[in-house]
Amino acid sequence: MKEKKQLIMFSILFGILIIFHSLQVIFNPFSFVKNISLIAVIAFSIPLGAFIRELFILKKKG
C-alpha cells in the first residue's frame, strides 16, 4: 500500500514538473530554447501518460 501511495505522489509531482516546463515553452521568447524545451516536455510526458494508463488498467482488473 505504501508503494502505491509513493507512485501516485511521484506521478503528481512529475505532472506538476511537466506543467511548469510547458509554461516555460509558452513564455520563452527564444525559439531555439522553446523548441528544445518542447521536445523535453514531450519526452517527459510519454512515460507519465503510459504509467497513468497502466494504473487505470490495474485498477480496472483489481
PDB file of N, CA and C in Angstrom:
ATOM      1  N   MET A   1       0.820  -1.193   0.000  1.00  0.00           N
ATOM      2  CA  MET A   1       0.000   0.000   0.000  1.00  0.00           C
ATOM      3  C   MET A   1       0.866   1.260   0.000  1.00  0.00           C
ATOM      4  N   LYS A   2       1.978   1.201   0.750  1.00  0.00           N
ATOM      5  CA  LYS A   2       2.877   2.347   0.821  1.00  0.00           C
ATOM      6  C   LYS A   2       3.494   2.635  -0.549  1.00  0.00           C
ATOM      7  N   GLU A   3       3.816   1.584  -1.293  1.00  0.00           N
ATOM      8  CA  GLU A   3       4.411   1.767  -2.607  1.00  0.00           C
ATOM      9  C   GLU A   3       3.436   2.444  -3.565  1.00  0.00           C
ATOM     10  N   LYS A   4       2.159   2.081  -3.444  1.00  0.00           N
ATOM     11  CA  LYS A   4       1.158   2.679  -4.329  1.00  0.00           C
ATOM     12  C   LYS A   4       1.027   4.174  -4.057  1.00  0.00           C
ATOM     13  N   LYS A   5       1.042   4.563  -2.788  1.00  0.00           N
ATOM     14  CA  LYS A   5       0.961   5.988  -2.440  1.00  0.00           C
ATOM     15  C   LYS A   5       2.181   6.735  -2.956  1.00  0.00           C
ATOM     16  N   GLN A   6       3.346   6.099  -2.864  1.00  0.00           N
ATOM     17  CA  GLN A   6       4.563   6.744  -3.368  1.00  0.00           C
ATOM     18  C   GLN A   6       4.491   6.913  -4.880  1.00  0.00           C
ATOM     19  N   LEU A   7       3.972   5.923  -5.583  1.00  0.00           N
ATOM     20  CA  LEU A   7       3.853   6.024  -7.037  1.00  0.00           C
ATOM     21  C   LEU A   7       2.878   7.128  -7.434  1.00  0.00           C
ATOM     22  N   ILE A   8       1.782   7.226  -6.726  1.00  0.00           N
ATOM     23  CA  ILE A   8       0.805   8.270  -7.035  1.00  0.00           C
ATOM     24  C   ILE A   8       1.397   9.645  -6.737  1.00  0.00           C
ATOM     25  N   MET A   9       2.098   9.772  -5.636  1.00  0.00           N
ATOM     26  CA  MET A   9       2.728  11.048  -5.283  1.00  0.00           C
ATOM     27  C   MET A   9       3.782  11.425  -6.320  1.00  0.00           C
ATOM     28  N   PHE A  10       4.568  10.461  -6.764  1.00  0.00           N
ATOM     29  CA  PHE A  10       5.564  10.714  -7.800  1.00  0.00           C
ATOM     30  C   PHE A  10       4.891  11.169  -9.091  1.00  0.00           C
ATOM     31  N   SER A  11       3.774  10.546  -9.442  1.00  0.00           N
ATOM     32  CA  SER A  11       3.056  10.930 -10.654  1.00  0.00           C
ATOM     33  C   SER A  11       2.554  12.361 -10.564  1.00  0.00           C
ATOM     34  N   ILE A  12       2.036  12.745  -9.406  1.00  0.00           N
ATOM     35  CA  ILE A  12       1.540  14.105  -9.227  1.00  0.00           C
ATOM     36  C   ILE A  12       2.680  15.112  -9.328  1.00  0.00           C
ATOM     37  N   LEU A  13       3.789  14.837  -8.656  1.00  0.00           N
ATOM     38  CA  LEU A  13       4.933  15.747  -8.713  1.00  0.00           C
ATOM     39  C   LEU A  13       5.515  15.837 -10.119  1.00  0.00           C
ATOM     40  N   PHE A  14       5.562  14.720 -10.805  1.00  0.00           N
ATOM     41  CA  PHE A  14       6.077  14.704 -12.172  1.00  0.00           C
ATOM     42  C   PHE A  14       5.145  15.483 -13.093  1.00  0.00           C
ATOM     43  N   GLY A  15       3.839  15.369 -12.866  1.00  0.00           N
ATOM     44  CA  GLY A  15       2.867  16.129 -13.652  1.00  0.00           C
ATOM     45  C   GLY A  15       3.018  17.627 -13.437  1.00  0.00           C
ATOM     46  N   ILE A  16       3.246  18.031 -12.188  1.00  0.00           N
ATOM     47  CA  ILE A  16       3.466  19.454 -11.898  1.00  0.00           C
ATOM     48  C   ILE A  16       4.737  19.945 -12.586  1.00  0.00           C
ATOM     49  N   LEU A  17       5.768  19.129 -12.575  1.00  0.00           N
ATOM     50  CA  LEU A  17       7.006  19.479 -13.268  1.00  0.00           C
ATOM     51  C   LEU A  17       6.765  19.675 -14.763  1.00  0.00           C
ATOM     52  N   ILE A  18       5.973  18.813 -15.356  1.00  0.00           N
ATOM     53  CA  ILE A  18       5.657  18.939 -16.783  1.00  0.00           C
ATOM     54  C   ILE A  18       4.874  20.220 -17.046  1.00  0.00           C
ATOM     55  N   ILE A  19       3.961  20.569 -16.159  1.00  0.00           N
ATOM     56  CA  ILE A  19       3.187  21.804 -16.336  1.00  0.00           C
ATOM     57  C   ILE A  19       4.104  23.020 -16.285  1.00  0.00           C
ATOM     58  N   PHE A  20       5.042  23.051 -15.339  1.00  0.00           N
ATOM     59  CA  PHE A  20       5.960  24.182 -15.257  1.00  0.00           C
ATOM     60  C   PHE A  20       6.856  24.273 -16.492  1.00  0.00           C
ATOM     61  N   HIS A  21       7.285  23.146 -17.003  1.00  0.00           N
ATOM     62  CA  HIS A  21       8.089  23.165 -18.227  1.00  0.00           C
ATOM     63  C   HIS A  21       7.251  23.602 -19.420  1.00  0.00           C
ATOM     64  N   SER A  22       5.977  23.247 -19.429  1.00  0.00           N
ATOM     65  CA  SER A  22       5.092  23.698 -20.512  1.00  0.00           C
ATOM     66  C   SER A  22       4.942  25.216 -20.476  1.00  0.00           C
ATOM     67  N   LEU A  23       4.835  25.779 -19.280  1.00  0.00           N
ATOM     68  CA  LEU A  23       4.759  27.239 -19.168  1.00  0.00           C
ATOM     69  C   LEU A  23       6.036  27.889 -19.665  1.00  0.00           C
ATOM     70  N   GLN A  24       7.163  27.254 -19.428  1.00  0.00           N
ATOM     71  CA  GLN A  24       8.438  27.774 -19.928  1.00  0.00           C
ATOM     72  C   GLN A  24       8.434  27.774 -21.456  1.00  0.00           C
ATOM     73  N   VAL A  25       7.871  26.744 -22.046  1.00  0.00           N
ATOM     74  CA  VAL A  25       7.798  26.680 -23.504  1.00  0.00           C
ATOM     75  C   VAL A  25       6.923  27.804 -24.042  1.00  0.00           C
ATOM     76  N   ILE A  26       5.814  28.061 -23.375  1.00  0.00           N
ATOM     77  CA  ILE A  26       4.879  29.072 -23.867  1.00  0.00           C
ATOM     78  C   ILE A  26       5.460  30.485 -23.763  1.00  0.00           C
ATOM     79  N   PHE A  27       6.093  30.802 -22.648  1.00  0.00           N
ATOM     80  CA  PHE A  27       6.504  32.175 -22.395  1.00  0.00           C
ATOM     81  C   PHE A  27       7.965  32.481 -22.736  1.00  0.00           C
ATOM     82  N   ASN A  28       8.693  31.545 -23.299  1.00  0.00           N
ATOM     83  CA  ASN A  28      10.093  31.790 -23.628  1.00  0.00           C
ATOM     84  C   ASN A  28      10.180  32.540 -24.959  1.00  0.00           C
ATOM     85  N   PRO A  29      10.919  33.659 -25.012  1.00  0.00           N
ATOM     86  CA  PRO A  29      10.997  34.436 -26.257  1.00  0.00           C
ATOM     87  C   PRO A  29      11.963  33.850 -27.298  1.00  0.00           C
ATOM     88  N   PHE A  30      12.850  32.949 -26.896  1.00  0.00           N
ATOM     89  CA  PHE A  30      13.842  32.412 -27.829  1.00  0.00           C
ATOM     90  C   PHE A  30      13.327  31.131 -28.465  1.00  0.00           C
ATOM     91  N   SER A  31      13.312  31.088 -29.779  1.00  0.00           N
ATOM     92  CA  SER A  31      12.723  29.941 -30.474  1.00  0.00           C
ATOM     93  C   SER A  31      13.547  28.669 -30.294  1.00  0.00           C
ATOM     94  N   PHE A  32      14.875  28.774 -30.228  1.00  0.00           N
ATOM     95  CA  PHE A  32      15.696  27.576 -30.045  1.00  0.00           C
ATOM     96  C   PHE A  32      15.425  26.926 -28.693  1.00  0.00           C
ATOM     97  N   VAL A  33      15.416  27.746 -27.641  1.00  0.00           N
ATOM     98  CA  VAL A  33      15.144  27.230 -26.296  1.00  0.00           C
ATOM     99  C   VAL A  33      13.720  26.688 -26.220  1.00  0.00           C
ATOM    100  N   LYS A  34      12.793  27.362 -26.889  1.00  0.00           N
ATOM    101  CA  LYS A  34      11.399  26.934 -26.905  1.00  0.00           C
ATOM    102  C   LYS A  34      11.278  25.550 -27.556  1.00  0.00           C
ATOM    103  N   ASN A  35      11.983  25.336 -28.661  1.00  0.00           N
ATOM    104  CA  ASN A  35      11.926  24.038 -29.349  1.00  0.00           C
ATOM    105  C   ASN A  35      12.550  22.923 -28.518  1.00  0.00           C
ATOM    106  N   ILE A  36      13.691  23.188 -27.914  1.00  0.00           N
ATOM    107  CA  ILE A  36      14.342  22.177 -27.075  1.00  0.00           C
ATOM    108  C   ILE A  36      13.478  21.850 -25.864  1.00  0.00           C
ATOM    109  N   SER A  37      12.892  22.875 -25.261  1.00  0.00           N
ATOM    110  CA  SER A  37      12.015  22.644 -24.107  1.00  0.00           C
ATOM    111  C   SER A  37      10.769  21.864 -24.501  1.00  0.00           C
ATOM    112  N   LEU A  38      10.243  22.145 -25.661  1.00  0.00           N
ATOM    113  CA  LEU A  38       9.064  21.410 -26.138  1.00  0.00           C
ATOM    114  C   LEU A  38       9.385  19.935 -26.346  1.00  0.00           C
ATOM    115  N   ILE A  39      10.541  19.650 -26.900  1.00  0.00           N
ATOM    116  CA  ILE A  39      10.957  18.253 -27.077  1.00  0.00           C
ATOM    117  C   ILE A  39      11.108  17.578 -25.715  1.00  0.00           C
ATOM    118  N   ALA A  40      11.677  18.284 -24.743  1.00  0.00           N
ATOM    119  CA  ALA A  40      11.838  17.717 -23.399  1.00  0.00           C
ATOM    120  C   ALA A  40      10.484  17.465 -22.746  1.00  0.00           C
ATOM    121  N   VAL A  41       9.535  18.383 -22.899  1.00  0.00           N
ATOM    122  CA  VAL A  41       8.204  18.202 -22.311  1.00  0.00           C
ATOM    123  C   VAL A  41       7.518  16.990 -22.921  1.00  0.00           C
ATOM    124  N   ILE A  42       7.618  16.838 -24.223  1.00  0.00           N
ATOM    125  CA  ILE A  42       7.008  15.678 -24.881  1.00  0.00           C
ATOM    126  C   ILE A  42       7.669  14.394 -24.410  1.00  0.00           C
ATOM    127  N   ALA A  43       8.990  14.401 -24.305  1.00  0.00           N
ATOM    128  CA  ALA A  43       9.712  13.202 -23.865  1.00  0.00           C
ATOM    129  C   ALA A  43       9.357  12.830 -22.422  1.00  0.00           C
ATOM    130  N   PHE A  44       9.144  13.829 -21.564  1.00  0.00           N
ATOM    131  CA  PHE A  44       8.768  13.545 -20.176  1.00  0.00           C
ATOM    132  C   PHE A  44       7.303  13.146 -20.046  1.00  0.00           C
ATOM    133  N   SER A  45       6.463  13.607 -20.960  1.00  0.00           N
ATOM    134  CA  SER A  45       5.026  13.310 -20.874  1.00  0.00           C
ATOM    135  C   SER A  45       4.709  11.873 -21.273  1.00  0.00           C
ATOM    136  N   ILE A  46       5.484  11.306 -22.170  1.00  0.00           N
ATOM    137  CA  ILE A  46       5.200   9.957 -22.664  1.00  0.00           C
ATOM    138  C   ILE A  46       5.251   8.915 -21.539  1.00  0.00           C
ATOM    139  N   PRO A  47       6.324   8.844 -20.746  1.00  0.00           N
ATOM    140  CA  PRO A  47       6.325   7.836 -19.670  1.00  0.00           C
ATOM    141  C   PRO A  47       5.261   8.086 -18.606  1.00  0.00           C
ATOM    142  N   LEU A  48       4.987   9.349 -18.313  1.00  0.00           N
ATOM    143  CA  LEU A  48       3.959   9.645 -17.317  1.00  0.00           C
ATOM    144  C   LEU A  48       2.590   9.188 -17.799  1.00  0.00           C
ATOM    145  N   GLY A  49       2.273   9.455 -19.051  1.00  0.00           N
ATOM    146  CA  GLY A  49       0.999   9.004 -19.606  1.00  0.00           C
ATOM    147  C   GLY A  49       0.892   7.494 -19.630  1.00  0.00           C
ATOM    148  N   ALA A  50       1.958   6.818 -19.988  1.00  0.00           N
ATOM    149  CA  ALA A  50       1.940   5.353 -20.005  1.00  0.00           C
ATOM    150  C   ALA A  50       1.773   4.791 -18.601  1.00  0.00           C
ATOM    151  N   PHE A  51       2.420   5.414 -17.632  1.00  0.00           N
ATOM    152  CA  PHE A  51       2.315   4.950 -16.255  1.00  0.00           C
ATOM    153  C   PHE A  51       0.899   5.132 -15.716  1.00  0.00           C
ATOM    154  N   ILE A  52       0.298   6.278 -15.981  1.00  0.00           N
ATOM    155  CA  ILE A  52      -1.068   6.521 -15.510  1.00  0.00           C
ATOM    156  C   ILE A  52      -2.041   5.570 -16.190  1.00  0.00           C
ATOM    157  N   ARG A  53      -1.825   5.296 -17.468  1.00  0.00           N
ATOM    158  CA  ARG A  53      -2.674   4.335 -18.176  1.00  0.00           C
ATOM    159  C   ARG A  53      -2.572   2.954 -17.532  1.00  0.00           C
ATOM    160  N   GLU A  54      -1.371   2.542 -17.173  1.00  0.00           N
ATOM    161  CA  GLU A  54      -1.190   1.246 -16.512  1.00  0.00           C
ATOM    162  C   GLU A  54      -1.873   1.213 -15.151  1.00  0.00           C
ATOM    163  N   LEU A  55      -1.831   2.326 -14.415  1.00  0.00           N
ATOM    164  CA  LEU A  55      -2.536   2.378 -13.139  1.00  0.00           C
ATOM    165  C   LEU A  55      -4.031   2.172 -13.324  1.00  0.00           C
ATOM    166  N   PHE A  56      -4.603   2.799 -14.349  1.00  0.00           N
ATOM    167  CA  PHE A  56      -6.036   2.616 -14.607  1.00  0.00           C
ATOM    168  C   PHE A  56      -6.347   1.190 -15.029  1.00  0.00           C
ATOM    169  N   ILE A  57      -5.472   0.573 -15.814  1.00  0.00           N
ATOM    170  CA  ILE A  57      -5.691  -0.827 -16.219  1.00  0.00           C
ATOM    171  C   ILE A  57      -5.641  -1.748 -15.002  1.00  0.00           C
ATOM    172  N   LEU A  58      -4.664  -1.534 -14.128  1.00  0.00           N
ATOM    173  CA  LEU A  58      -4.568  -2.362 -12.923  1.00  0.00           C
ATOM    174  C   LEU A  58      -5.751  -2.137 -11.986  1.00  0.00           C
ATOM    175  N   LYS A  59      -6.218  -0.915 -11.907  1.00  0.00           N
ATOM    176  CA  LYS A  59      -7.371  -0.604 -11.063  1.00  0.00           C
ATOM    177  C   LYS A  59      -8.625  -1.289 -11.597  1.00  0.00           C
ATOM    178  N   LYS A  60      -8.753  -1.332 -12.919  1.00  0.00           N
ATOM    179  CA  LYS A  60      -9.913  -1.968 -13.542  1.00  0.00           C
ATOM    180  C   LYS A  60      -9.892  -3.482 -13.322  1.00  0.00           C
ATOM    181  N   LYS A  61      -8.697  -4.096 -13.369  1.00  0.00           N
ATOM    182  CA  LYS A  61      -8.580  -5.532 -13.146  1.00  0.00           C
ATOM    183  C   LYS A  61      -8.811  -5.915 -11.678  1.00  0.00           C
ATOM    184  N   GLY A  62      -8.374  -5.051 -10.775  1.00  0.00           N
ATOM    185  CA  GLY A  62      -8.411  -5.381  -9.352  1.00  0.00           C
ATOM    186  C   GLY A  62      -9.615  -4.927  -8.664  1.00  0.00           C
TER     187      GLY A  62
END
